[in-house]
Amino acid sequence: MKTPSARWKCVCAYDGTAFAGWQSQAGGTAIQDVIEARLAEILKKNLRISGSGRTDAGVHARGQVFHFDAAWPHGEARLLAALRIGLPAAVQIKSAKLVRPDFHARFQAKGKRYTYHLHLGDADPFTRPYCWMNFRPLDLAAMRQAAQRLCGRHDFRSFTALNGPEKEDTVRDLRRLEVIGRGRHIRIVAEADGFLYKMVRSLVGVLVSVGEGRLTPAQVTEILAARRRTALVQTAPPQGLFLDRVYYR
């Protein structure tokens, strides 16, 4: 009897250093391409996977979610084992579960959490690939004040690199923007119902500008209210950013 097709939900982690981001690229240089190639080997057919969203080139993930439809009669544990064999060391499938046929990794996501890592001064070779090194002192108290002004439901057009039409919805509910310092290591945690293109890296860039004294928390409020991207908003480099978790009901 032929096994019917079913929907599978997977959670994966990856070191994005050597990849052209999540979304499939010509030449197969994206994480999506690598996973799809491995699935084609396992299932003996080509298929497309749908991710919860894109991550840019150089950005990492601990909890990216994707789904696909396939006929696999051998159960969840064996699919997970098969997926873990043959992938690059920089990509790990953390779980593979059967879900309802109407589950959608992107459209049913209710929120995401990102973490950005900063390092004060020269980081060691094992830290450098995963942080933004800052050689100027940062005023964490001022950064926290600015972060507090950004939390809540706002139009974040000033904090996205989108070049789309003005009518595009840029309102998001930023539930958490926290600056956590421990020694020379600083983490910025951002959680929202969704994020715009390069929004997290733009938020981090502005907070660092505040920490360095080039912007004030009051100016951050003005930038937010302007609803227009300006040169005052710098984009933090990608290597410090991690997609930690995607939330579903």
C-alpha atoms as a PDB file:
ATOM      1  CA  MET A   1       0.000   0.000   0.000  1.00  0.00           C
ATOM      2  CA  LYS A   2       1.352   3.387  -0.982  1.00  0.00           C
ATOM      3  CA  THR A   3       2.257   5.694   1.922  1.00  0.00           C
ATOM      4  CA  PRO A   4       0.230   8.924   1.762  1.00  0.00           C
ATOM      5  CA  SER A   5       2.013  12.269   1.788  1.00  0.00           C
ATOM      6  CA  ALA A   6       2.107  14.026   5.164  1.00  0.00           C
ATOM      7  CA  ARG A   7       3.285  17.372   6.483  1.00  0.00           C
ATOM      8  CA  TRP A   8       6.497  17.512   8.452  1.00  0.00           C
ATOM      9  CA  LYS A   9       7.681  20.302  10.761  1.00  0.00           C
ATOM     10  CA  CYS A  10      11.412  20.578  11.396  1.00  0.00           C
ATOM     11  CA  VAL A  11      13.528  22.797  13.609  1.00  0.00           C
ATOM     12  CA  CYS A  12      17.097  23.437  12.522  1.00  0.00           C
ATOM     13  CA  ALA A  13      20.205  25.281  13.673  1.00  0.00           C
ATOM     14  CA  TYR A  14      22.968  26.607  11.491  1.00  0.00           C
ATOM     15  CA  ASP A  15      26.168  28.594  11.397  1.00  0.00           C
ATOM     16  CA  GLY A  16      25.411  31.054   8.618  1.00  0.00           C
ATOM     17  CA  THR A  17      29.009  32.210   8.091  1.00  0.00           C
ATOM     18  CA  ALA A  18      29.612  30.418   4.797  1.00  0.00           C
ATOM     19  CA  PHE A  19      26.054  30.587   3.426  1.00  0.00           C
ATOM     20  CA  ALA A  20      24.183  33.121   1.303  1.00  0.00           C
ATOM     21  CA  GLY A  21      21.349  33.242   3.826  1.00  0.00           C
ATOM     22  CA  TRP A  22      18.338  30.983   4.286  1.00  0.00           C
ATOM     23  CA  GLN A  23      16.469  31.470   1.016  1.00  0.00           C
ATOM     24  CA  SER A  24      17.398  29.382  -2.016  1.00  0.00           C
ATOM     25  CA  GLN A  25      20.010  30.985  -4.276  1.00  0.00           C
ATOM     26  CA  ALA A  26      21.365  30.284  -7.745  1.00  0.00           C
ATOM     27  CA  GLY A  27      24.283  27.929  -7.306  1.00  0.00           C
ATOM     28  CA  GLY A  28      22.821  26.252  -4.213  1.00  0.00           C
ATOM     29  CA  THR A  29      24.664  28.414  -1.690  1.00  0.00           C
ATOM     30  CA  ALA A  30      21.813  28.890   0.824  1.00  0.00           C
ATOM     31  CA  ILE A  31      20.793  26.786   3.822  1.00  0.00           C
ATOM     32  CA  GLN A  32      17.484  25.965   2.134  1.00  0.00           C
ATOM     33  CA  ASP A  33      19.389  24.521  -0.840  1.00  0.00           C
ATOM     34  CA  VAL A  34      21.527  22.292   1.372  1.00  0.00           C
ATOM     35  CA  ILE A  35      18.532  20.871   3.252  1.00  0.00           C
ATOM     36  CA  GLU A  36      16.501  20.348   0.078  1.00  0.00           C
ATOM     37  CA  ALA A  37      19.420  18.501  -1.521  1.00  0.00           C
ATOM     38  CA  ARG A  38      19.630  16.153   1.470  1.00  0.00           C
ATOM     39  CA  LEU A  39      15.860  15.544   1.405  1.00  0.00           C
ATOM     40  CA  ALA A  40      16.086  14.725  -2.305  1.00  0.00           C
ATOM     41  CA  GLU A  41      18.678  12.056  -1.488  1.00  0.00           C
ATOM     42  CA  ILE A  42      16.485  10.569   1.230  1.00  0.00           C
ATOM     43  CA  LEU A  43      13.137  10.714  -0.567  1.00  0.00           C
ATOM     44  CA  LYS A  44      14.416  10.142  -4.118  1.00  0.00           C
ATOM     45  CA  LYS A  45      12.532  13.190  -5.377  1.00  0.00           C
ATOM     46  CA  ASN A  46      12.935  16.947  -5.430  1.00  0.00           C
ATOM     47  CA  LEU A  47      10.744  19.063  -3.155  1.00  0.00           C
ATOM     48  CA  ARG A  48      10.585  22.551  -1.708  1.00  0.00           C
ATOM     49  CA  ILE A  49      10.663  23.399   1.965  1.00  0.00           C
ATOM     50  CA  SER A  50       8.968  26.473   3.440  1.00  0.00           C
ATOM     51  CA  GLY A  51      10.781  28.355   6.202  1.00  0.00           C
ATOM     52  CA  SER A  52       9.386  30.579   8.935  1.00  0.00           C
ATOM     53  CA  GLY A  53      11.231  33.477   7.306  1.00  0.00           C
ATOM     54  CA  ARG A  54      14.515  34.474   5.759  1.00  0.00           C
ATOM     55  CA  THR A  55      17.821  35.110   7.462  1.00  0.00           C
ATOM     56  CA  ASP A  56      20.449  37.160   5.651  1.00  0.00           C
ATOM     57  CA  ALA A  57      23.873  35.999   4.540  1.00  0.00           C
ATOM     58  CA  GLY A  58      26.085  35.492   7.577  1.00  0.00           C
ATOM     59  CA  VAL A  59      23.201  35.343  10.089  1.00  0.00           C
ATOM     60  CA  HIS A  60      22.886  32.266  12.289  1.00  0.00           C
ATOM     61  CA  ALA A  61      19.984  30.310  13.780  1.00  0.00           C
ATOM     62  CA  ARG A  62      19.347  28.108  16.768  1.00  0.00           C
ATOM     63  CA  GLY A  63      15.642  27.588  16.083  1.00  0.00           C
ATOM     64  CA  GLN A  64      14.689  28.130  12.438  1.00  0.00           C
ATOM     65  CA  VAL A  65      11.488  26.267  11.525  1.00  0.00           C
ATOM     66  CA  PHE A  66      10.490  24.833   8.156  1.00  0.00           C
ATOM     67  CA  HIS A  67       7.888  22.432   6.788  1.00  0.00           C
ATOM     68  CA  PHE A  68       7.498  20.179   3.785  1.00  0.00           C
ATOM     69  CA  ASP A  69       5.160  17.484   2.454  1.00  0.00           C
ATOM     70  CA  ALA A  70       6.451  13.980   1.843  1.00  0.00           C
ATOM     71  CA  ALA A  71       5.525  10.322   2.024  1.00  0.00           C
ATOM     72  CA  TRP A  72       7.805   8.745   4.631  1.00  0.00           C
ATOM     73  CA  PRO A  73       6.648   5.456   6.179  1.00  0.00           C
ATOM     74  CA  HIS A  74       9.451   4.969   8.706  1.00  0.00           C
ATOM     75  CA  GLY A  75       8.504   7.365  11.503  1.00  0.00           C
ATOM     76  CA  GLU A  76       9.876  10.558  13.004  1.00  0.00           C
ATOM     77  CA  ALA A  77      13.013   9.152  14.617  1.00  0.00           C
ATOM     78  CA  ARG A  78      14.296   7.571  11.414  1.00  0.00           C
ATOM     79  CA  LEU A  79      13.599  10.690   9.366  1.00  0.00           C
ATOM     80  CA  LEU A  80      15.526  12.786  11.880  1.00  0.00           C
ATOM     81  CA  ALA A  81      18.427  10.324  11.799  1.00  0.00           C
ATOM     82  CA  ALA A  82      18.451  10.325   7.995  1.00  0.00           C
ATOM     83  CA  LEU A  83      18.429  14.123   7.859  1.00  0.00           C
ATOM     84  CA  ARG A  84      21.316  14.399  10.282  1.00  0.00           C
ATOM     85  CA  ILE A  85      23.525  12.213   8.102  1.00  0.00           C
ATOM     86  CA  GLY A  86      25.027  13.924   5.096  1.00  0.00           C
ATOM     87  CA  LEU A  87      24.440  17.550   6.034  1.00  0.00           C
ATOM     88  CA  PRO A  88      27.393  19.934   6.456  1.00  0.00           C
ATOM     89  CA  ALA A  89      28.698  20.295   9.999  1.00  0.00           C
ATOM     90  CA  ALA A  90      27.353  23.867   9.991  1.00  0.00           C
ATOM     91  CA  VAL A  91      23.734  22.665   9.662  1.00  0.00           C
ATOM     92  CA  GLN A  92      21.851  20.576  12.228  1.00  0.00           C
ATOM     93  CA  ILE A  93      18.279  19.299  12.146  1.00  0.00           C
ATOM     94  CA  LYS A  94      17.141  19.418  15.772  1.00  0.00           C
ATOM     95  CA  SER A  95      13.700  17.844  15.400  1.00  0.00           C
ATOM     96  CA  ALA A  96      11.330  16.387  12.797  1.00  0.00           C
ATOM     97  CA  LYS A  97       7.652  15.970  13.690  1.00  0.00           C
ATOM     98  CA  LEU A  98       4.444  15.044  11.903  1.00  0.00           C
ATOM     99  CA  VAL A  99       1.953  17.923  12.088  1.00  0.00           C
ATOM    100  CA  ARG A 100      -1.508  18.804  10.862  1.00  0.00           C
ATOM    101  CA  PRO A 101      -1.757  19.184   7.082  1.00  0.00           C
ATOM    102  CA  ASP A 102      -2.703  22.869   7.434  1.00  0.00           C
ATOM    103  CA  PHE A 103       0.387  23.800   9.463  1.00  0.00           C
ATOM    104  CA  HIS A 104       2.491  26.540   7.837  1.00  0.00           C
ATOM    105  CA  ALA A 105       5.910  27.483   9.186  1.00  0.00           C
ATOM    106  CA  ARG A 106       5.627  31.090   8.059  1.00  0.00           C
ATOM    107  CA  PHE A 107       1.966  32.061   8.116  1.00  0.00           C
ATOM    108  CA  GLN A 108       1.177  30.469  11.482  1.00  0.00           C
ATOM    109  CA  ALA A 109       4.184  31.924  13.300  1.00  0.00           C
ATOM    110  CA  LYS A 110       3.048  34.210  16.146  1.00  0.00           C
ATOM    111  CA  GLY A 111       6.399  35.680  17.030  1.00  0.00           C
ATOM    112  CA  LYS A 112      10.166  35.380  16.892  1.00  0.00           C
ATOM    113  CA  ARG A 113      13.070  35.943  19.219  1.00  0.00           C
ATOM    114  CA  TYR A 114      16.506  37.066  18.076  1.00  0.00           C
ATOM    115  CA  THR A 115      19.700  37.584  20.051  1.00  0.00           C
ATOM    116  CA  TYR A 116      22.543  39.851  18.952  1.00  0.00           C
ATOM    117  CA  HIS A 117      26.026  39.500  20.452  1.00  0.00           C
ATOM    118  CA  LEU A 118      28.434  42.384  20.998  1.00  0.00           C
ATOM    119  CA  HIS A 119      31.967  42.188  22.360  1.00  0.00           C
ATOM    120  CA  LEU A 120      33.873  45.080  23.899  1.00  0.00           C
ATOM    121  CA  GLY A 121      37.403  45.106  22.536  1.00  0.00           C
ATOM    122  CA  ASP A 122      39.256  42.412  20.629  1.00  0.00           C
ATOM    123  CA  ALA A 123      37.516  39.045  20.872  1.00  0.00           C
ATOM    124  CA  ASP A 124      39.358  35.733  20.712  1.00  0.00           C
ATOM    125  CA  PRO A 125      39.331  33.715  17.453  1.00  0.00           C
ATOM    126  CA  PHE A 126      36.475  31.529  18.693  1.00  0.00           C
ATOM    127  CA  THR A 127      34.230  34.506  19.460  1.00  0.00           C
ATOM    128  CA  ARG A 128      35.004  36.811  16.527  1.00  0.00           C
ATOM    129  CA  PRO A 129      32.878  34.947  13.936  1.00  0.00           C
ATOM    130  CA  TYR A 130      29.770  35.331  16.113  1.00  0.00           C
ATOM    131  CA  CYS A 131      29.857  38.908  17.426  1.00  0.00           C
ATOM    132  CA  TRP A 132      30.284  42.566  16.559  1.00  0.00           C
ATOM    133  CA  MET A 133      33.474  43.840  18.173  1.00  0.00           C
ATOM    134  CA  ASN A 134      33.226  47.369  19.560  1.00  0.00           C
ATOM    135  CA  PHE A 135      36.384  49.246  20.494  1.00  0.00           C
ATOM    136  CA  ARG A 136      34.643  52.201  22.137  1.00  0.00           C
ATOM    137  CA  PRO A 137      33.016  52.056  25.602  1.00  0.00           C
ATOM    138  CA  LEU A 138      29.249  51.620  25.544  1.00  0.00           C
ATOM    139  CA  ASP A 139      26.856  53.352  27.951  1.00  0.00           C
ATOM    140  CA  LEU A 140      24.528  50.453  28.749  1.00  0.00           C
ATOM    141  CA  ALA A 141      22.170  52.609  30.826  1.00  0.00           C
ATOM    142  CA  ALA A 142      21.558  54.918  27.860  1.00  0.00           C
ATOM    143  CA  MET A 143      21.108  51.919  25.558  1.00  0.00           C
ATOM    144  CA  ARG A 144      18.482  50.508  27.914  1.00  0.00           C
ATOM    145  CA  GLN A 145      16.633  53.820  27.999  1.00  0.00           C
ATOM    146  CA  ALA A 146      16.546  53.890  24.204  1.00  0.00           C
ATOM    147  CA  ALA A 147      15.424  50.253  24.047  1.00  0.00           C
ATOM    148  CA  GLN A 148      12.533  51.024  26.388  1.00  0.00           C
ATOM    149  CA  ARG A 149      11.373  53.806  24.052  1.00  0.00           C
ATOM    150  CA  LEU A 150      11.294  51.362  21.140  1.00  0.00           C
ATOM    151  CA  CYS A 151       9.250  48.647  22.861  1.00  0.00           C
ATOM    152  CA  GLY A 152       5.553  48.396  22.066  1.00  0.00           C
ATOM    153  CA  ARG A 153       3.422  48.506  18.942  1.00  0.00           C
ATOM    154  CA  HIS A 154       4.884  51.041  16.504  1.00  0.00           C
ATOM    155  CA  ASP A 155       5.471  51.703  12.833  1.00  0.00           C
ATOM    156  CA  PHE A 156       9.097  50.607  12.372  1.00  0.00           C
ATOM    157  CA  ARG A 157       9.591  51.903   8.826  1.00  0.00           C
ATOM    158  CA  SER A 158      12.616  53.877  10.064  1.00  0.00           C
ATOM    159  CA  PHE A 159      14.244  50.608  11.117  1.00  0.00           C
ATOM    160  CA  THR A 160      13.920  48.543   7.970  1.00  0.00           C
ATOM    161  CA  ALA A 161      15.852  48.364   4.727  1.00  0.00           C
ATOM    162  CA  LEU A 162      12.624  47.781   2.790  1.00  0.00           C
ATOM    163  CA  ASN A 163      12.355  49.714  -0.423  1.00  0.00           C
ATOM    164  CA  GLY A 164       8.753  48.748  -1.074  1.00  0.00           C
ATOM    165  CA  PRO A 165       5.672  50.918  -1.483  1.00  0.00           C
ATOM    166  CA  GLU A 166       4.554  53.222   1.304  1.00  0.00           C
ATOM    167  CA  LYS A 167       1.375  51.180   1.724  1.00  0.00           C
ATOM    168  CA  GLU A 168       3.345  48.146   2.908  1.00  0.00           C
ATOM    169  CA  ASP A 169       2.521  47.336   6.533  1.00  0.00           C
ATOM    170  CA  THR A 170       5.500  48.186   8.729  1.00  0.00           C
ATOM    171  CA  VAL A 171       3.716  48.086  12.096  1.00  0.00           C
ATOM    172  CA  ARG A 172       5.096  45.531  14.527  1.00  0.00           C
ATOM    173  CA  ASP A 173       4.642  44.769  18.218  1.00  0.00           C
ATOM    174  CA  LEU A 174       8.130  44.784  19.740  1.00  0.00           C
ATOM    175  CA  ARG A 175       7.447  42.899  22.951  1.00  0.00           C
ATOM    176  CA  ARG A 176      11.007  42.826  24.255  1.00  0.00           C
ATOM    177  CA  LEU A 177      14.217  44.701  23.548  1.00  0.00           C
ATOM    178  CA  GLU A 178      16.662  43.999  26.331  1.00  0.00           C
ATOM    179  CA  VAL A 179      20.327  44.947  26.726  1.00  0.00           C
ATOM    180  CA  ILE A 180      22.188  42.455  28.919  1.00  0.00           C
ATOM    181  CA  GLY A 181      25.804  43.091  29.875  1.00  0.00           C
ATOM    182  CA  ARG A 182      28.218  40.615  31.412  1.00  0.00           C
ATOM    183  CA  GLY A 183      31.849  41.647  31.440  1.00  0.00           C
ATOM    184  CA  ARG A 184      32.938  42.387  27.886  1.00  0.00           C
ATOM    185  CA  HIS A 185      30.022  40.464  26.411  1.00  0.00           C
ATOM    186  CA  ILE A 186      26.734  42.260  25.670  1.00  0.00           C
ATOM    187  CA  ARG A 187      23.583  40.562  24.432  1.00  0.00           C
ATOM    188  CA  ILE A 188      20.634  42.363  22.881  1.00  0.00           C
ATOM    189  CA  VAL A 189      17.463  40.271  22.897  1.00  0.00           C
ATOM    190  CA  ALA A 190      14.605  41.257  20.582  1.00  0.00           C
ATOM    191  CA  GLU A 191      11.210  39.588  20.551  1.00  0.00           C
ATOM    192  CA  ALA A 192       8.214  40.639  18.434  1.00  0.00           C
ATOM    193  CA  ASP A 193       5.193  39.350  16.578  1.00  0.00           C
ATOM    194  CA  GLY A 194       7.335  39.668  13.458  1.00  0.00           C
ATOM    195  CA  PHE A 195      10.324  41.541  12.092  1.00  0.00           C
ATOM    196  CA  LEU A 196      10.892  43.597   8.958  1.00  0.00           C
ATOM    197  CA  TYR A 197      13.836  43.202   6.601  1.00  0.00           C
ATOM    198  CA  LYS A 198      17.039  43.955   8.582  1.00  0.00           C
ATOM    199  CA  MET A 199      14.942  45.380  11.431  1.00  0.00           C
ATOM    200  CA  VAL A 200      16.843  43.654  14.248  1.00  0.00           C
ATOM    201  CA  ARG A 201      20.223  44.702  12.865  1.00  0.00           C
ATOM    202  CA  SER A 202      18.926  48.271  12.494  1.00  0.00           C
ATOM    203  CA  LEU A 203      17.654  48.331  16.077  1.00  0.00           C
ATOM    204  CA  VAL A 204      21.016  47.063  17.298  1.00  0.00           C
ATOM    205  CA  GLY A 205      22.864  49.629  15.193  1.00  0.00           C
ATOM    206  CA  VAL A 206      20.870  52.472  16.713  1.00  0.00           C
ATOM    207  CA  LEU A 207      21.350  51.164  20.255  1.00  0.00           C
ATOM    208  CA  VAL A 208      25.105  50.971  19.697  1.00  0.00           C
ATOM    209  CA  SER A 209      25.089  54.558  18.394  1.00  0.00           C
ATOM    210  CA  VAL A 210      23.355  55.559  21.644  1.00  0.00           C
ATOM    211  CA  GLY A 211      25.890  53.589  23.671  1.00  0.00           C
ATOM    212  CA  GLU A 212      28.737  55.384  21.915  1.00  0.00           C
ATOM    213  CA  GLY A 213      27.139  58.792  22.557  1.00  0.00           C
ATOM    214  CA  ARG A 214      26.438  59.567  18.887  1.00  0.00           C
ATOM    215  CA  LEU A 215      22.668  59.494  19.493  1.00  0.00           C
ATOM    216  CA  THR A 216      20.513  60.184  22.546  1.00  0.00           C
ATOM    217  CA  PRO A 217      17.475  58.162  23.653  1.00  0.00           C
ATOM    218  CA  ALA A 218      15.319  61.193  22.784  1.00  0.00           C
ATOM    219  CA  GLN A 219      16.690  61.154  19.229  1.00  0.00           C
ATOM    220  CA  VAL A 220      15.769  57.485  18.928  1.00  0.00           C
ATOM    221  CA  THR A 221      12.168  58.416  19.702  1.00  0.00           C
ATOM    222  CA  GLU A 222      12.337  61.063  16.961  1.00  0.00           C
ATOM    223  CA  ILE A 223      13.772  58.560  14.476  1.00  0.00           C
ATOM    224  CA  LEU A 224      10.949  56.130  15.246  1.00  0.00           C
ATOM    225  CA  ALA A 225       8.288  58.827  14.842  1.00  0.00           C
ATOM    226  CA  ALA A 226       9.728  60.023  11.515  1.00  0.00           C
ATOM    227  CA  ARG A 227       8.830  56.751   9.764  1.00  0.00           C
ATOM    228  CA  ARG A 228      11.676  57.320   7.324  1.00  0.00           C
ATOM    229  CA  ARG A 229      15.041  55.611   7.041  1.00  0.00           C
ATOM    230  CA  THR A 230      17.990  57.982   7.397  1.00  0.00           C
ATOM    231  CA  ALA A 231      21.771  57.730   7.685  1.00  0.00           C
ATOM    232  CA  LEU A 232      21.380  57.971  11.469  1.00  0.00           C
ATOM    233  CA  VAL A 233      20.284  54.318  11.457  1.00  0.00           C
ATOM    234  CA  GLN A 234      23.302  52.086  10.956  1.00  0.00           C
ATOM    235  CA  THR A 235      22.873  48.380  10.219  1.00  0.00           C
ATOM    236  CA  ALA A 236      24.798  46.098  12.549  1.00  0.00           C
ATOM    237  CA  PRO A 237      26.920  43.431  10.789  1.00  0.00           C
ATOM    238  CA  PRO A 238      25.274  40.028  10.310  1.00  0.00           C
ATOM    239  CA  GLN A 239      27.640  37.718  12.174  1.00  0.00           C
ATOM    240  CA  GLY A 240      26.401  38.714  15.641  1.00  0.00           C
ATOM    241  CA  LEU A 241      22.751  37.854  14.944  1.00  0.00           C
ATOM    242  CA  PHE A 242      21.018  34.596  15.896  1.00  0.00           C
ATOM    243  CA  LEU A 243      17.417  33.522  15.297  1.00  0.00           C
ATOM    244  CA  ASP A 244      16.709  31.835  18.620  1.00  0.00           C
ATOM    245  CA  ARG A 245      13.099  30.749  18.437  1.00  0.00           C
ATOM    246  CA  VAL A 246       9.904  30.905  16.404  1.00  0.00           C
ATOM    247  CA  TYR A 247       6.672  30.914  18.397  1.00  0.00           C
ATOM    248  CA  TYR A 248       3.455  29.127  17.454  1.00  0.00           C
ATOM    249  CA  ARG A 249       0.215  28.628  19.326  1.00  0.00           C
END
